[in-house]
mmCIF file of all heavy atoms, coordinates in Angstrom:
data_MODEL
# 
_entry.id   MODEL 
# 
loop_
_atom_site.group_PDB 
_atom_site.id 
_atom_site.type_symbol 
_atom_site.label_atom_id 
_atom_site.label_alt_id 
_atom_site.label_comp_id 
_atom_site.label_asym_id 
_atom_site.label_entity_id 
_atom_site.label_seq_id 
_atom_site.pdbx_PDB_ins_code 
_atom_site.Cartn_x 
_atom_site.Cartn_y 
_atom_site.Cartn_z 
_atom_site.occupancy 
_atom_site.B_iso_or_equiv 
_atom_site.pdbx_formal_charge 
_atom_site.auth_seq_id 
_atom_site.auth_comp_id 
_atom_site.auth_asym_id 
_atom_site.auth_atom_id 
_atom_site.pdbx_PDB_model_num 
ATOM 1   N N   . LEU A 1 1  ? 94.001  95.959  115.711 1.00 0.00 ? 1  LEU A N   1 
ATOM 2   C CA  . LEU A 1 1  ? 94.026  96.894  116.829 1.00 0.00 ? 1  LEU A CA  1 
ATOM 3   C C   . LEU A 1 1  ? 93.294  96.299  118.017 1.00 0.00 ? 1  LEU A C   1 
ATOM 4   O O   . LEU A 1 1  ? 92.217  95.728  117.872 1.00 0.00 ? 1  LEU A O   1 
ATOM 5   C CB  . LEU A 1 1  ? 93.357  98.208  116.430 1.00 0.00 ? 1  LEU A CB  1 
ATOM 6   C CG  . LEU A 1 1  ? 93.988  98.998  115.288 1.00 0.00 ? 1  LEU A CG  1 
ATOM 7   C CD1 . LEU A 1 1  ? 93.068  100.135 114.883 1.00 0.00 ? 1  LEU A CD1 1 
ATOM 8   C CD2 . LEU A 1 1  ? 95.347  99.535  115.706 1.00 0.00 ? 1  LEU A CD2 1 
ATOM 9   N N   . VAL A 1 2  ? 93.891  96.452  119.177 1.00 0.00 ? 2  VAL A N   1 
ATOM 10  C CA  . VAL A 1 2  ? 93.258  95.945  120.389 1.00 0.00 ? 2  VAL A CA  1 
ATOM 11  C C   . VAL A 1 2  ? 93.633  96.851  121.558 1.00 0.00 ? 2  VAL A C   1 
ATOM 12  O O   . VAL A 1 2  ? 94.757  97.356  121.632 1.00 0.00 ? 2  VAL A O   1 
ATOM 13  C CB  . VAL A 1 2  ? 93.660  94.479  120.665 1.00 0.00 ? 2  VAL A CB  1 
ATOM 14  C CG1 . VAL A 1 2  ? 95.167  94.359  120.874 1.00 0.00 ? 2  VAL A CG1 1 
ATOM 15  C CG2 . VAL A 1 2  ? 92.899  93.917  121.851 1.00 0.00 ? 2  VAL A CG2 1 
ATOM 16  N N   . GLN A 1 3  ? 92.703  97.059  122.449 1.00 0.00 ? 3  GLN A N   1 
ATOM 17  C CA  . GLN A 1 3  ? 92.959  97.887  123.616 1.00 0.00 ? 3  GLN A CA  1 
ATOM 18  C C   . GLN A 1 3  ? 93.818  97.137  124.617 1.00 0.00 ? 3  GLN A C   1 
ATOM 19  O O   . GLN A 1 3  ? 93.725  95.915  124.755 1.00 0.00 ? 3  GLN A O   1 
ATOM 20  C CB  . GLN A 1 3  ? 91.638  98.309  124.255 1.00 0.00 ? 3  GLN A CB  1 
ATOM 21  C CG  . GLN A 1 3  ? 91.789  99.339  125.364 1.00 0.00 ? 3  GLN A CG  1 
ATOM 22  C CD  . GLN A 1 3  ? 90.456  99.869  125.844 1.00 0.00 ? 3  GLN A CD  1 
ATOM 23  O OE1 . GLN A 1 3  ? 89.412  99.280  125.576 1.00 0.00 ? 3  GLN A OE1 1 
ATOM 24  N NE2 . GLN A 1 3  ? 90.486  100.978 126.551 1.00 0.00 ? 3  GLN A NE2 1 
ATOM 25  N N   . ALA A 1 4  ? 94.653  97.870  125.307 1.00 0.00 ? 4  ALA A N   1 
ATOM 26  C CA  . ALA A 1 4  ? 95.477  97.265  126.341 1.00 0.00 ? 4  ALA A CA  1 
ATOM 27  C C   . ALA A 1 4  ? 94.614  96.493  127.325 1.00 0.00 ? 4  ALA A C   1 
ATOM 28  O O   . ALA A 1 4  ? 93.556  96.961  127.752 1.00 0.00 ? 4  ALA A O   1 
ATOM 29  C CB  . ALA A 1 4  ? 96.280  98.342  127.071 1.00 0.00 ? 4  ALA A CB  1 
ATOM 30  N N   . GLY A 1 5  ? 95.085  95.304  127.667 1.00 0.00 ? 5  GLY A N   1 
ATOM 31  C CA  . GLY A 1 5  ? 94.331  94.431  128.546 1.00 0.00 ? 5  GLY A CA  1 
ATOM 32  C C   . GLY A 1 5  ? 93.462  93.442  127.803 1.00 0.00 ? 5  GLY A C   1 
ATOM 33  O O   . GLY A 1 5  ? 92.962  92.483  128.406 1.00 0.00 ? 5  GLY A O   1 
ATOM 34  N N   . GLY A 1 6  ? 93.290  93.657  126.527 1.00 0.00 ? 6  GLY A N   1 
ATOM 35  C CA  . GLY A 1 6  ? 92.465  92.789  125.724 1.00 0.00 ? 6  GLY A CA  1 
ATOM 36  C C   . GLY A 1 6  ? 93.216  91.587  125.188 1.00 0.00 ? 6  GLY A C   1 
ATOM 37  O O   . GLY A 1 6  ? 94.375  91.359  125.519 1.00 0.00 ? 6  GLY A O   1 
ATOM 38  N N   . SER A 1 7  ? 92.537  90.843  124.343 1.00 0.00 ? 7  SER A N   1 
ATOM 39  C CA  . SER A 1 7  ? 93.090  89.617  123.785 1.00 0.00 ? 7  SER A CA  1 
ATOM 40  C C   . SER A 1 7  ? 92.982  89.606  122.271 1.00 0.00 ? 7  SER A C   1 
ATOM 41  O O   . SER A 1 7  ? 92.135  90.279  121.680 1.00 0.00 ? 7  SER A O   1 
ATOM 42  C CB  . SER A 1 7  ? 92.359  88.388  124.346 1.00 0.00 ? 7  SER A CB  1 
ATOM 43  O OG  . SER A 1 7  ? 92.513  88.285  125.747 1.00 0.00 ? 7  SER A OG  1 
ATOM 44  N N   . LEU A 1 8  ? 93.834  88.817  121.680 1.00 0.00 ? 8  LEU A N   1 
ATOM 45  C CA  . LEU A 1 8  ? 93.847  88.661  120.232 1.00 0.00 ? 8  LEU A CA  1 
ATOM 46  C C   . LEU A 1 8  ? 94.454  87.299  119.926 1.00 0.00 ? 8  LEU A C   1 
ATOM 47  O O   . LEU A 1 8  ? 95.362  86.851  120.635 1.00 0.00 ? 8  LEU A O   1 
ATOM 48  C CB  . LEU A 1 8  ? 94.678  89.763  119.591 1.00 0.00 ? 8  LEU A CB  1 
ATOM 49  C CG  . LEU A 1 8  ? 94.475  90.087  118.111 1.00 0.00 ? 8  LEU A CG  1 
ATOM 50  C CD1 . LEU A 1 8  ? 93.065  90.612  117.876 1.00 0.00 ? 8  LEU A CD1 1 
ATOM 51  C CD2 . LEU A 1 8  ? 95.507  91.112  117.669 1.00 0.00 ? 8  LEU A CD2 1 
ATOM 52  N N   . MET A 1 9  ? 93.962  86.653  118.896 1.00 0.00 ? 9  MET A N   1 
ATOM 53  C CA  . MET A 1 9  ? 94.544  85.386  118.492 1.00 0.00 ? 9  MET A CA  1 
ATOM 54  C C   . MET A 1 9  ? 95.056  85.480  117.066 1.00 0.00 ? 9  MET A C   1 
ATOM 55  O O   . MET A 1 9  ? 94.314  85.845  116.152 1.00 0.00 ? 9  MET A O   1 
ATOM 56  C CB  . MET A 1 9  ? 93.541  84.234  118.594 1.00 0.00 ? 9  MET A CB  1 
ATOM 57  C CG  . MET A 1 9  ? 94.192  82.876  118.348 1.00 0.00 ? 9  MET A CG  1 
ATOM 58  S SD  . MET A 1 9  ? 93.081  81.465  118.616 1.00 0.00 ? 9  MET A SD  1 
ATOM 59  C CE  . MET A 1 9  ? 92.092  81.557  117.130 1.00 0.00 ? 9  MET A CE  1 
ATOM 60  N N   . LEU A 1 10 ? 96.312  85.144  116.893 1.00 0.00 ? 10 LEU A N   1 
ATOM 61  C CA  . LEU A 1 10 ? 96.924  85.111  115.585 1.00 0.00 ? 10 LEU A CA  1 
ATOM 62  C C   . LEU A 1 10 ? 96.914  83.680  115.058 1.00 0.00 ? 10 LEU A C   1 
ATOM 63  O O   . LEU A 1 10 ? 97.041  82.727  115.818 1.00 0.00 ? 10 LEU A O   1 
ATOM 64  C CB  . LEU A 1 10 ? 98.366  85.615  115.641 1.00 0.00 ? 10 LEU A CB  1 
ATOM 65  C CG  . LEU A 1 10 ? 98.590  86.992  116.265 1.00 0.00 ? 10 LEU A CG  1 
ATOM 66  C CD1 . LEU A 1 10 ? 100.071 87.349  116.183 1.00 0.00 ? 10 LEU A CD1 1 
ATOM 67  C CD2 . LEU A 1 10 ? 97.728  88.038  115.583 1.00 0.00 ? 10 LEU A CD2 1 
ATOM 68  N N   . SER A 1 11 ? 96.790  83.560  113.758 1.00 0.00 ? 11 SER A N   1 
ATOM 69  C CA  . SER A 1 11 ? 96.815  82.260  113.116 1.00 0.00 ? 11 SER A CA  1 
ATOM 70  C C   . SER A 1 11 ? 97.891  82.233  112.052 1.00 0.00 ? 11 SER A C   1 
ATOM 71  O O   . SER A 1 11 ? 98.210  83.255  111.450 1.00 0.00 ? 11 SER A O   1 
ATOM 72  C CB  . SER A 1 11 ? 95.462  81.941  112.470 1.00 0.00 ? 11 SER A CB  1 
ATOM 73  O OG  . SER A 1 11 ? 94.430  81.900  113.430 1.00 0.00 ? 11 SER A OG  1 
ATOM 74  N N   . CYS A 1 12 ? 98.431  81.070  111.828 1.00 0.00 ? 12 CYS A N   1 
ATOM 75  C CA  . CYS A 1 12 ? 99.439  80.879  110.793 1.00 0.00 ? 12 CYS A CA  1 
ATOM 76  C C   . CYS A 1 12 ? 99.101  79.606  110.048 1.00 0.00 ? 12 CYS A C   1 
ATOM 77  O O   . CYS A 1 12 ? 98.943  78.548  110.664 1.00 0.00 ? 12 CYS A O   1 
ATOM 78  C CB  . CYS A 1 12 ? 100.831 80.797  111.418 1.00 0.00 ? 12 CYS A CB  1 
ATOM 79  S SG  . CYS A 1 12 ? 102.149 80.386  110.259 1.00 0.00 ? 12 CYS A SG  1 
ATOM 80  N N   . THR A 1 13 ? 99.003  79.719  108.746 1.00 0.00 ? 13 THR A N   1 
ATOM 81  C CA  . THR A 1 13 ? 98.687  78.579  107.901 1.00 0.00 ? 13 THR A CA  1 
ATOM 82  C C   . THR A 1 13 ? 99.900  78.198  107.081 1.00 0.00 ? 13 THR A C   1 
ATOM 83  O O   . THR A 1 13 ? 100.521 79.050  106.452 1.00 0.00 ? 13 THR A O   1 
ATOM 84  C CB  . THR A 1 13 ? 97.515  78.902  106.966 1.00 0.00 ? 13 THR A CB  1 
ATOM 85  O OG1 . THR A 1 13 ? 96.368  79.262  107.736 1.00 0.00 ? 13 THR A OG1 1 
ATOM 86  C CG2 . THR A 1 13 ? 97.173  77.693  106.108 1.00 0.00 ? 13 THR A CG2 1 
ATOM 87  N N   . ALA A 1 14 ? 100.218 76.918  107.076 1.00 0.00 ? 14 ALA A N   1 
ATOM 88  C CA  . ALA A 1 14 ? 101.347 76.407  106.305 1.00 0.00 ? 14 ALA A CA  1 
ATOM 89  C C   . ALA A 1 14 ? 100.865 75.768  105.021 1.00 0.00 ? 14 ALA A C   1 
ATOM 90  O O   . ALA A 1 14 ? 99.782  75.175  104.972 1.00 0.00 ? 14 ALA A O   1 
ATOM 91  C CB  . ALA A 1 14 ? 102.139 75.395  107.122 1.00 0.00 ? 14 ALA A CB  1 
ATOM 92  N N   . SER A 1 15 ? 101.679 75.874  103.997 1.00 0.00 ? 15 SER A N   1 
ATOM 93  C CA  . SER A 1 15 ? 101.302 75.382  102.676 1.00 0.00 ? 15 SER A CA  1 
ATOM 94  C C   . SER A 1 15 ? 101.624 73.913  102.457 1.00 0.00 ? 15 SER A C   1 
ATOM 95  O O   . SER A 1 15 ? 101.287 73.360  101.416 1.00 0.00 ? 15 SER A O   1 
ATOM 96  C CB  . SER A 1 15 ? 102.005 76.208  101.593 1.00 0.00 ? 15 SER A CB  1 
ATOM 97  O OG  . SER A 1 15 ? 103.405 76.050  101.668 1.00 0.00 ? 15 SER A OG  1 
ATOM 98  N N   . THR A 1 16 ? 102.258 73.285  103.423 1.00 0.00 ? 16 THR A N   1 
ATOM 99  C CA  . THR A 1 16 ? 102.700 71.904  103.249 1.00 0.00 ? 16 THR A CA  1 
ATOM 100 C C   . THR A 1 16 ? 101.906 70.940  104.113 1.00 0.00 ? 16 THR A C   1 
ATOM 101 O O   . THR A 1 16 ? 101.521 71.248  105.235 1.00 0.00 ? 16 THR A O   1 
ATOM 102 C CB  . THR A 1 16 ? 104.199 71.769  103.567 1.00 0.00 ? 16 THR A CB  1 
ATOM 103 O OG1 . THR A 1 16 ? 104.586 70.403  103.423 1.00 0.00 ? 16 THR A OG1 1 
ATOM 104 C CG2 . THR A 1 16 ? 104.506 72.208  104.996 1.00 0.00 ? 16 THR A CG2 1 
ATOM 105 N N   . ARG A 1 17 ? 101.719 69.732  103.577 1.00 0.00 ? 17 ARG A N   1 
ATOM 106 C CA  . ARG A 1 17 ? 101.057 68.685  104.336 1.00 0.00 ? 17 ARG A CA  1 
ATOM 107 C C   . ARG A 1 17 ? 102.034 67.975  105.271 1.00 0.00 ? 17 ARG A C   1 
ATOM 108 O O   . ARG A 1 17 ? 101.617 67.111  106.044 1.00 0.00 ? 17 ARG A O   1 
ATOM 109 C CB  . ARG A 1 17 ? 100.420 67.666  103.387 1.00 0.00 ? 17 ARG A CB  1 
ATOM 110 C CG  . ARG A 1 17 ? 99.268  68.216  102.553 1.00 0.00 ? 17 ARG A CG  1 
ATOM 111 C CD  . ARG A 1 17 ? 98.122  68.696  103.438 1.00 0.00 ? 17 ARG A CD  1 
ATOM 112 N NE  . ARG A 1 17 ? 97.598  67.644  104.299 1.00 0.00 ? 17 ARG A NE  1 
ATOM 113 C CZ  . ARG A 1 17 ? 96.655  66.777  103.939 1.00 0.00 ? 17 ARG A CZ  1 
ATOM 114 N NH1 . ARG A 1 17 ? 96.126  66.839  102.716 1.00 0.00 ? 17 ARG A NH1 1 
ATOM 115 N NH2 . ARG A 1 17 ? 96.235  65.856  104.793 1.00 0.00 ? 17 ARG A NH2 1 
ATOM 116 N N   . THR A 1 18 ? 103.315 68.338  105.172 1.00 0.00 ? 18 THR A N   1 
ATOM 117 C CA  . THR A 1 18 ? 104.309 67.806  106.086 1.00 0.00 ? 18 THR A CA  1 
ATOM 118 C C   . THR A 1 18 ? 104.523 68.750  107.261 1.00 0.00 ? 18 THR A C   1 
ATOM 119 O O   . THR A 1 18 ? 105.568 68.729  107.901 1.00 0.00 ? 18 THR A O   1 
ATOM 120 C CB  . THR A 1 18 ? 105.648 67.560  105.369 1.00 0.00 ? 18 THR A CB  1 
ATOM 121 O OG1 . THR A 1 18 ? 106.147 68.789  104.827 1.00 0.00 ? 18 THR A OG1 1 
ATOM 122 C CG2 . THR A 1 18 ? 105.466 66.552  104.246 1.00 0.00 ? 18 THR A CG2 1 
ATOM 123 N N   . PHE A 1 19 ? 103.538 69.554  107.537 1.00 0.00 ? 19 PHE A N   1 
ATOM 124 C CA  . PHE A 1 19 ? 103.573 70.543  108.608 1.00 0.00 ? 19 PHE A CA  1 
ATOM 125 C C   . PHE A 1 19 ? 104.001 69.929  109.935 1.00 0.00 ? 19 PHE A C   1 
ATOM 126 O O   . PHE A 1 19 ? 104.716 70.562  110.720 1.00 0.00 ? 19 PHE A O   1 
ATOM 127 C CB  . PHE A 1 19 ? 102.189 71.180  108.727 1.00 0.00 ? 19 PHE A CB  1 
ATOM 128 C CG  . PHE A 1 19 ? 102.033 72.126  109.885 1.00 0.00 ? 19 PHE A CG  1 
ATOM 129 C CD1 . PHE A 1 19 ? 102.580 73.391  109.841 1.00 0.00 ? 19 PHE A CD1 1 
ATOM 130 C CD2 . PHE A 1 19 ? 101.310 71.745  111.006 1.00 0.00 ? 19 PHE A CD2 1 
ATOM 131 C CE1 . PHE A 1 19 ? 102.422 74.277  110.897 1.00 0.00 ? 19 PHE A CE1 1 
ATOM 132 C CE2 . PHE A 1 19 ? 101.142 72.617  112.063 1.00 0.00 ? 19 PHE A CE2 1 
ATOM 133 C CZ  . PHE A 1 19 ? 101.694 73.881  112.007 1.00 0.00 ? 19 PHE A CZ  1 
ATOM 134 N N   . SER A 1 20 ? 103.572 68.713  110.199 1.00 0.00 ? 20 SER A N   1 
ATOM 135 C CA  . SER A 1 20 ? 103.849 68.082  111.481 1.00 0.00 ? 20 SER A CA  1 
ATOM 136 C C   . SER A 1 20 ? 105.328 67.793  111.699 1.00 0.00 ? 20 SER A C   1 
ATOM 137 O O   . SER A 1 20 ? 105.734 67.472  112.818 1.00 0.00 ? 20 SER A O   1 
ATOM 138 C CB  . SER A 1 20 ? 103.041 66.792  111.626 1.00 0.00 ? 20 SER A CB  1 
ATOM 139 O OG  . SER A 1 20 ? 103.391 65.853  110.632 1.00 0.00 ? 20 SER A OG  1 
ATOM 140 N N   . LYS A 1 21 ? 106.143 67.908  110.676 1.00 0.00 ? 21 LYS A N   1 
ATOM 141 C CA  . LYS A 1 21 ? 107.583 67.702  110.816 1.00 0.00 ? 21 LYS A CA  1 
ATOM 142 C C   . LYS A 1 21 ? 108.295 68.925  111.380 1.00 0.00 ? 21 LYS A C   1 
ATOM 143 O O   . LYS A 1 21 ? 109.456 68.830  111.768 1.00 0.00 ? 21 LYS A O   1 
ATOM 144 C CB  . LYS A 1 21 ? 108.207 67.352  109.463 1.00 0.00 ? 21 LYS A CB  1 
ATOM 145 C CG  . LYS A 1 21 ? 107.722 66.042  108.868 1.00 0.00 ? 21 LYS A CG  1 
ATOM 146 C CD  . LYS A 1 21 ? 108.423 65.774  107.551 1.00 0.00 ? 21 LYS A CD  1 
ATOM 147 C CE  . LYS A 1 21 ? 107.964 64.464  106.932 1.00 0.00 ? 21 LYS A CE  1 
ATOM 148 N NZ  . LYS A 1 21 ? 108.639 64.210  105.635 1.00 0.00 ? 21 LYS A NZ  1 
ATOM 149 N N   . TYR A 1 22 ? 107.612 70.042  111.407 1.00 0.00 ? 22 TYR A N   1 
ATOM 150 C CA  . TYR A 1 22 ? 108.251 71.299  111.764 1.00 0.00 ? 22 TYR A CA  1 
ATOM 151 C C   . TYR A 1 22 ? 107.874 71.792  113.142 1.00 0.00 ? 22 TYR A C   1 
ATOM 152 O O   . TYR A 1 22 ? 106.708 71.786  113.537 1.00 0.00 ? 22 TYR A O   1 
ATOM 153 C CB  . TYR A 1 22 ? 107.896 72.374  110.738 1.00 0.00 ? 22 TYR A CB  1 
ATOM 154 C CG  . TYR A 1 22 ? 108.389 72.065  109.353 1.00 0.00 ? 22 TYR A CG  1 
ATOM 155 C CD1 . TYR A 1 22 ? 107.544 71.486  108.414 1.00 0.00 ? 22 TYR A CD1 1 
ATOM 156 C CD2 . TYR A 1 22 ? 109.702 72.349  108.994 1.00 0.00 ? 22 TYR A CD2 1 
ATOM 157 C CE1 . TYR A 1 22 ? 107.997 71.188  107.145 1.00 0.00 ? 22 TYR A CE1 1 
ATOM 158 C CE2 . TYR A 1 22 ? 110.157 72.050  107.715 1.00 0.00 ? 22 TYR A CE2 1 
ATOM 159 C CZ  . TYR A 1 22 ? 109.299 71.470  106.800 1.00 0.00 ? 22 TYR A CZ  1 
ATOM 160 O OH  . TYR A 1 22 ? 109.759 71.182  105.540 1.00 0.00 ? 22 TYR A OH  1 
ATOM 161 N N   . ASN A 1 23 ? 108.895 72.228  113.858 1.00 0.00 ? 23 ASN A N   1 
ATOM 162 C CA  . ASN A 1 23 ? 108.660 73.038  115.031 1.00 0.00 ? 23 ASN A CA  1 
ATOM 163 C C   . ASN A 1 23 ? 108.202 74.409  114.539 1.00 0.00 ? 23 ASN A C   1 
ATOM 164 O O   . ASN A 1 23 ? 108.678 74.902  113.519 1.00 0.00 ? 23 ASN A O   1 
ATOM 165 C CB  . ASN A 1 23 ? 109.944 73.186  115.843 1.00 0.00 ? 23 ASN A CB  1 
ATOM 166 C CG  . ASN A 1 23 ? 110.538 71.846  116.198 1.00 0.00 ? 23 ASN A CG  1 
ATOM 167 O OD1 . ASN A 1 23 ? 109.981 71.101  117.000 1.00 0.00 ? 23 ASN A OD1 1 
ATOM 168 N ND2 . ASN A 1 23 ? 111.692 71.535  115.620 1.00 0.00 ? 23 ASN A ND2 1 
ATOM 169 N N   . MET A 1 24 ? 107.291 75.010  115.263 1.00 0.00 ? 24 MET A N   1 
ATOM 170 C CA  . MET A 1 24 ? 106.735 76.290  114.837 1.00 0.00 ? 24 MET A CA  1 
ATOM 171 C C   . MET A 1 24 ? 106.870 77.313  115.947 1.00 0.00 ? 24 MET A C   1 
ATOM 172 O O   . MET A 1 24 ? 106.927 76.967  117.133 1.00 0.00 ? 24 MET A O   1 
ATOM 173 C CB  . MET A 1 24 ? 105.265 76.139  114.451 1.00 0.00 ? 24 MET A CB  1 
ATOM 174 C CG  . MET A 1 24 ? 105.000 75.138  113.337 1.00 0.00 ? 24 MET A CG  1 
ATOM 175 S SD  . MET A 1 24 ? 105.739 75.639  111.764 1.00 0.00 ? 24 MET A SD  1 
ATOM 176 C CE  . MET A 1 24 ? 104.815 77.149  111.430 1.00 0.00 ? 24 MET A CE  1 
ATOM 177 N N   . GLY A 1 25 ? 106.904 78.558  115.551 1.00 0.00 ? 25 GLY A N   1 
ATOM 178 C CA  . GLY A 1 25 ? 107.032 79.593  116.556 1.00 0.00 ? 25 GLY A CA  1 
ATOM 179 C C   . GLY A 1 25 ? 106.635 80.960  116.051 1.00 0.00 ? 25 GLY A C   1 
ATOM 180 O O   . GLY A 1 25 ? 106.170 81.120  114.917 1.00 0.00 ? 25 GLY A O   1 
ATOM 181 N N   . TRP A 1 26 ? 106.824 81.928  116.927 1.00 0.00 ? 26 TRP A N   1 
ATOM 182 C CA  . TRP A 1 26 ? 106.502 83.313  116.619 1.00 0.00 ? 26 TRP A CA  1 
ATOM 183 C C   . TRP A 1 26 ? 107.632 84.227  117.047 1.00 0.00 ? 26 TRP A C   1 
ATOM 184 O O   . TRP A 1 26 ? 108.198 84.072  118.138 1.00 0.00 ? 26 TRP A O   1 
ATOM 185 C CB  . TRP A 1 26 ? 105.210 83.744  117.326 1.00 0.00 ? 26 TRP A CB  1 
ATOM 186 C CG  . TRP A 1 26 ? 103.997 83.017  116.856 1.00 0.00 ? 26 TRP A CG  1 
ATOM 187 C CD1 . TRP A 1 26 ? 103.511 81.836  117.323 1.00 0.00 ? 26 TRP A CD1 1 
ATOM 188 C CD2 . TRP A 1 26 ? 103.103 83.439  115.823 1.00 0.00 ? 26 TRP A CD2 1 
ATOM 189 N NE1 . TRP A 1 26 ? 102.368 81.484  116.640 1.00 0.00 ? 26 TRP A NE1 1 
ATOM 190 C CE2 . TRP A 1 26 ? 102.094 82.449  115.714 1.00 0.00 ? 26 TRP A CE2 1 
ATOM 191 C CE3 . TRP A 1 26 ? 103.055 84.545  114.977 1.00 0.00 ? 26 TRP A CE3 1 
ATOM 192 C CZ2 . TRP A 1 26 ? 101.052 82.540  114.800 1.00 0.00 ? 26 TRP A CZ2 1 
ATOM 193 C CZ3 . TRP A 1 26 ? 102.023 84.645  114.060 1.00 0.00 ? 26 TRP A CZ3 1 
ATOM 194 C CH2 . TRP A 1 26 ? 101.041 83.644  113.984 1.00 0.00 ? 26 TRP A CH2 1 
ATOM 195 N N   . PHE A 1 27 ? 107.959 85.164  116.186 1.00 0.00 ? 27 PHE A N   1 
ATOM 196 C CA  . PHE A 1 27 ? 108.851 86.261  116.489 1.00 0.00 ? 27 PHE A CA  1 
ATOM 197 C C   . PHE A 1 27 ? 108.088 87.553  116.269 1.00 0.00 ? 27 PHE A C   1 
ATOM 198 O O   . PHE A 1 27 ? 107.042 87.560  115.619 1.00 0.00 ? 27 PHE A O   1 
ATOM 199 C CB  . PHE A 1 27 ? 110.094 86.233  115.591 1.00 0.00 ? 27 PHE A CB  1 
ATOM 200 C CG  . PHE A 1 27 ? 111.158 85.275  116.048 1.00 0.00 ? 27 PHE A CG  1 
ATOM 201 C CD1 . PHE A 1 27 ? 111.002 83.908  115.895 1.00 0.00 ? 27 PHE A CD1 1 
ATOM 202 C CD2 . PHE A 1 27 ? 112.328 85.744  116.630 1.00 0.00 ? 27 PHE A CD2 1 
ATOM 203 C CE1 . PHE A 1 27 ? 111.980 83.028  116.307 1.00 0.00 ? 27 PHE A CE1 1 
ATOM 204 C CE2 . PHE A 1 27 ? 113.324 84.869  117.044 1.00 0.00 ? 27 PHE A CE2 1 
ATOM 205 C CZ  . PHE A 1 27 ? 113.143 83.510  116.888 1.00 0.00 ? 27 PHE A CZ  1 
ATOM 206 N N   . ARG A 1 28 ? 108.616 88.625  116.789 1.00 0.00 ? 28 ARG A N   1 
ATOM 207 C CA  . ARG A 1 28 ? 107.993 89.916  116.563 1.00 0.00 ? 28 ARG A CA  1 
ATOM 208 C C   . ARG A 1 28 ? 109.063 90.986  116.420 1.00 0.00 ? 28 ARG A C   1 
ATOM 209 O O   . ARG A 1 28 ? 110.187 90.829  116.894 1.00 0.00 ? 28 ARG A O   1 
ATOM 210 C CB  . ARG A 1 28 ? 107.025 90.281  117.690 1.00 0.00 ? 28 ARG A CB  1 
ATOM 211 C CG  . ARG A 1 28 ? 107.692 90.506  119.046 1.00 0.00 ? 28 ARG A CG  1 
ATOM 212 C CD  . ARG A 1 28 ? 106.637 90.711  120.130 1.00 0.00 ? 28 ARG A CD  1 
ATOM 213 N NE  . ARG A 1 28 ? 107.231 90.967  121.426 1.00 0.00 ? 28 ARG A NE  1 
ATOM 214 C CZ  . ARG A 1 28 ? 106.545 91.076  122.551 1.00 0.00 ? 28 ARG A CZ  1 
ATOM 215 N NH1 . ARG A 1 28 ? 105.218 90.958  122.538 1.00 0.00 ? 28 ARG A NH1 1 
ATOM 216 N NH2 . ARG A 1 28 ? 107.167 91.311  123.698 1.00 0.00 ? 28 ARG A NH2 1 
ATOM 217 N N   . GLN A 1 29 ? 108.678 92.074  115.773 1.00 0.00 ? 29 GLN A N   1 
ATOM 218 C CA  . GLN A 1 29 ? 109.605 93.178  115.596 1.00 0.00 ? 29 GLN A CA  1 
ATOM 219 C C   . GLN A 1 29 ? 108.852 94.500  115.620 1.00 0.00 ? 29 GLN A C   1 
ATOM 220 O O   . GLN A 1 29 ? 107.882 94.681  114.890 1.00 0.00 ? 29 GLN A O   1 
ATOM 221 C CB  . GLN A 1 29 ? 110.387 93.048  114.294 1.00 0.00 ? 29 GLN A CB  1 
ATOM 222 C CG  . GLN A 1 29 ? 111.495 94.076  114.150 1.00 0.00 ? 29 GLN A CG  1 
ATOM 223 C CD  . GLN A 1 29 ? 112.463 93.739  113.042 1.00 0.00 ? 29 GLN A CD  1 
ATOM 224 O OE1 . GLN A 1 29 ? 112.138 93.008  112.116 1.00 0.00 ? 29 GLN A OE1 1 
ATOM 225 N NE2 . GLN A 1 29 ? 113.671 94.263  113.146 1.00 0.00 ? 29 GLN A NE2 1 
# 
C-alpha cells in the first residue's frame, strides 16, 4: 500500500544463473 504521489520499488528474482540472456519486463493487471 502506498499513498498517491508516493514511491515504491518492486523486485523480481530469477532462479537461473543464465538470467543475463533474458530481456525482462513488467506487466500489470
